[in-house]
Amino acid sequence: MQPWRRTDWTLRDRTAQAWTLGHKPRHSRQIDAACGRHIARFPHKLVGIELDTAALLSLRALLHHSRRFGRPHRGNRADHWTTRAIMDTNNQLARLDRIKGRNAA
């Protein structure tokens, strides 16, 4: 089954697939189309319920440093999908830190 047709993705699976697509050595129409499909189906809802800190940190690193999935240059970020994704990821990481702090006390 093609990866973009899967309906049972977890955030960890999506991030791993994005890293794989992002590290393809050459640009081609197929890879660009696959990246476009991956971005179009980005699960903003999954970020808000993710409890695995490592998966969230991996997603944040992908959004900041990937060639194909990374943030655009300043001035082009306002309506870009990565802005919302990074904000959702940072908010969820902050929530998990607060919960961890409450449970440690």
C-alpha atoms as a PDB file:
ATOM      1  CA  MET A   1       0.000   0.000   0.000  1.00  0.00           C
ATOM      2  CA  GLN A   2       1.292   3.455  -0.848  1.00  0.00           C
ATOM      3  CA  PRO A   3       2.215   5.452   2.268  1.00  0.00           C
ATOM      4  CA  TRP A   4      -0.098   8.352   1.452  1.00  0.00           C
ATOM      5  CA  ARG A   5      -3.128   6.022   1.405  1.00  0.00           C
ATOM      6  CA  ARG A   6      -2.655   4.754   4.922  1.00  0.00           C
ATOM      7  CA  THR A   7      -5.308   5.896   7.363  1.00  0.00           C
ATOM      8  CA  ASP A   8      -3.754   4.525  10.553  1.00  0.00           C
ATOM      9  CA  TRP A   9      -0.741   6.844  10.748  1.00  0.00           C
ATOM     10  CA  THR A  10       0.622   7.820  14.127  1.00  0.00           C
ATOM     11  CA  LEU A  11       2.581  11.024  14.500  1.00  0.00           C
ATOM     12  CA  ARG A  12       5.782   8.983  14.863  1.00  0.00           C
ATOM     13  CA  ASP A  13       5.025   7.147  11.573  1.00  0.00           C
ATOM     14  CA  ARG A  14       4.308  10.394   9.734  1.00  0.00           C
ATOM     15  CA  THR A  15       7.486  12.019  11.014  1.00  0.00           C
ATOM     16  CA  ALA A  16       9.606   8.985  10.109  1.00  0.00           C
ATOM     17  CA  GLN A  17       8.144   8.936   6.589  1.00  0.00           C
ATOM     18  CA  ALA A  18       8.778  12.672   6.223  1.00  0.00           C
ATOM     19  CA  TRP A  19      12.409  12.236   7.299  1.00  0.00           C
ATOM     20  CA  THR A  20      12.744   9.461   4.705  1.00  0.00           C
ATOM     21  CA  LEU A  21      11.251  11.643   1.972  1.00  0.00           C
ATOM     22  CA  GLY A  22      13.339  14.598   3.072  1.00  0.00           C
ATOM     23  CA  HIS A  23      16.595  12.690   2.744  1.00  0.00           C
ATOM     24  CA  LYS A  24      16.071  11.507  -0.828  1.00  0.00           C
ATOM     25  CA  PRO A  25      19.195  12.641  -2.670  1.00  0.00           C
ATOM     26  CA  ARG A  26      17.602  14.050  -5.812  1.00  0.00           C
ATOM     27  CA  HIS A  27      14.588  16.147  -6.603  1.00  0.00           C
ATOM     28  CA  SER A  28      12.014  14.653  -8.911  1.00  0.00           C
ATOM     29  CA  ARG A  29       8.364  15.158  -9.682  1.00  0.00           C
ATOM     30  CA  GLN A  30       7.492  11.939  -7.866  1.00  0.00           C
ATOM     31  CA  ILE A  31       9.263  12.926  -4.669  1.00  0.00           C
ATOM     32  CA  ASP A  32       7.866  16.455  -4.806  1.00  0.00           C
ATOM     33  CA  ALA A  33       4.363  15.013  -5.302  1.00  0.00           C
ATOM     34  CA  ALA A  34       4.865  12.596  -2.407  1.00  0.00           C
ATOM     35  CA  CYS A  35       6.003  15.469  -0.174  1.00  0.00           C
ATOM     36  CA  GLY A  36       2.991  17.502  -1.269  1.00  0.00           C
ATOM     37  CA  ARG A  37       0.613  14.670  -0.401  1.00  0.00           C
ATOM     38  CA  HIS A  38       2.330  14.220   2.950  1.00  0.00           C
ATOM     39  CA  ILE A  39       1.982  17.913   3.745  1.00  0.00           C
ATOM     40  CA  ALA A  40      -1.642  18.053   2.575  1.00  0.00           C
ATOM     41  CA  ARG A  41      -2.577  15.329   5.040  1.00  0.00           C
ATOM     42  CA  PHE A  42      -0.589  16.685   7.980  1.00  0.00           C
ATOM     43  CA  PRO A  43      -2.541  15.755  11.136  1.00  0.00           C
ATOM     44  CA  HIS A  44      -2.741  18.895  13.266  1.00  0.00           C
ATOM     45  CA  LYS A  45      -5.140  17.034  15.577  1.00  0.00           C
ATOM     46  CA  LEU A  46      -2.588  14.289  16.259  1.00  0.00           C
ATOM     47  CA  VAL A  47      -0.044  16.836  17.489  1.00  0.00           C
ATOM     48  CA  GLY A  48      -2.428  18.053  20.181  1.00  0.00           C
ATOM     49  CA  ILE A  49      -2.960  14.572  21.638  1.00  0.00           C
ATOM     50  CA  GLU A  50       0.554  13.156  21.254  1.00  0.00           C
ATOM     51  CA  LEU A  51       2.067  12.046  24.564  1.00  0.00           C
ATOM     52  CA  ASP A  52       5.490  10.958  23.314  1.00  0.00           C
ATOM     53  CA  THR A  53       8.006  13.744  23.831  1.00  0.00           C
ATOM     54  CA  ALA A  54      10.562  12.118  21.513  1.00  0.00           C
ATOM     55  CA  ALA A  55       8.065  12.077  18.623  1.00  0.00           C
ATOM     56  CA  LEU A  56       7.249  15.756  19.185  1.00  0.00           C
ATOM     57  CA  LEU A  57      10.919  16.728  19.336  1.00  0.00           C
ATOM     58  CA  SER A  58      11.580  14.804  16.128  1.00  0.00           C
ATOM     59  CA  LEU A  59       8.702  16.614  14.435  1.00  0.00           C
ATOM     60  CA  ARG A  60       9.985  19.979  15.619  1.00  0.00           C
ATOM     61  CA  ALA A  61      13.483  19.184  14.322  1.00  0.00           C
ATOM     62  CA  LEU A  62      11.984  18.145  10.980  1.00  0.00           C
ATOM     63  CA  LEU A  63      10.034  21.381  10.693  1.00  0.00           C
ATOM     64  CA  HIS A  64      13.060  23.510  11.524  1.00  0.00           C
ATOM     65  CA  HIS A  65      15.811  21.724   9.607  1.00  0.00           C
ATOM     66  CA  SER A  66      14.441  19.680   6.707  1.00  0.00           C
ATOM     67  CA  ARG A  67      15.053  20.776   3.122  1.00  0.00           C
ATOM     68  CA  ARG A  68      11.612  19.754   1.908  1.00  0.00           C
ATOM     69  CA  PHE A  69       9.481  20.164   5.026  1.00  0.00           C
ATOM     70  CA  GLY A  70      11.241  23.034   6.760  1.00  0.00           C
ATOM     71  CA  ARG A  71      10.101  26.574   7.393  1.00  0.00           C
ATOM     72  CA  PRO A  72      10.395  29.158   4.648  1.00  0.00           C
ATOM     73  CA  HIS A  73      12.526  32.257   5.032  1.00  0.00           C
ATOM     74  CA  ARG A  74      11.345  35.197   7.116  1.00  0.00           C
ATOM     75  CA  GLY A  75       8.572  37.143   5.520  1.00  0.00           C
ATOM     76  CA  ASN A  76       6.993  34.009   4.017  1.00  0.00           C
ATOM     77  CA  ARG A  77       6.030  32.230   7.236  1.00  0.00           C
ATOM     78  CA  ALA A  78       2.692  33.830   8.114  1.00  0.00           C
ATOM     79  CA  ASP A  79       0.366  31.569   6.141  1.00  0.00           C
ATOM     80  CA  HIS A  80       2.712  28.602   5.799  1.00  0.00           C
ATOM     81  CA  TRP A  81       1.555  25.282   7.266  1.00  0.00           C
ATOM     82  CA  THR A  82       4.750  24.861   9.325  1.00  0.00           C
ATOM     83  CA  THR A  83       3.957  27.914  11.464  1.00  0.00           C
ATOM     84  CA  ARG A  84       0.818  26.297  12.873  1.00  0.00           C
ATOM     85  CA  ALA A  85       2.544  22.910  13.164  1.00  0.00           C
ATOM     86  CA  ILE A  86       5.468  24.356  15.139  1.00  0.00           C
ATOM     87  CA  MET A  87       3.111  26.290  17.416  1.00  0.00           C
ATOM     88  CA  ASP A  88       1.021  23.144  18.059  1.00  0.00           C
ATOM     89  CA  THR A  89       4.170  21.118  18.737  1.00  0.00           C
ATOM     90  CA  ASN A  90       5.607  23.692  21.152  1.00  0.00           C
ATOM     91  CA  ASN A  91       2.263  23.997  22.969  1.00  0.00           C
ATOM     92  CA  GLN A  92       1.972  20.239  23.387  1.00  0.00           C
ATOM     93  CA  LEU A  93       5.558  19.992  24.642  1.00  0.00           C
ATOM     94  CA  ALA A  94       4.803  22.740  27.189  1.00  0.00           C
ATOM     95  CA  ARG A  95       1.661  20.871  28.309  1.00  0.00           C
ATOM     96  CA  LEU A  96       3.641  17.662  28.764  1.00  0.00           C
ATOM     97  CA  ASP A  97       6.307  19.534  30.768  1.00  0.00           C
ATOM     98  CA  ARG A  98       3.623  21.006  33.047  1.00  0.00           C
ATOM     99  CA  ILE A  99       2.075  17.578  33.584  1.00  0.00           C
ATOM    100  CA  LYS A 100       5.502  16.077  34.256  1.00  0.00           C
ATOM    101  CA  GLY A 101       6.209  18.865  36.775  1.00  0.00           C
ATOM    102  CA  ARG A 102       2.926  18.258  38.583  1.00  0.00           C
ATOM    103  CA  ASN A 103       3.540  14.537  38.791  1.00  0.00           C
ATOM    104  CA  ALA A 104       7.098  15.000  40.064  1.00  0.00           C
ATOM    105  CA  ALA A 105       6.062  17.178  42.991  1.00  0.00           C
END
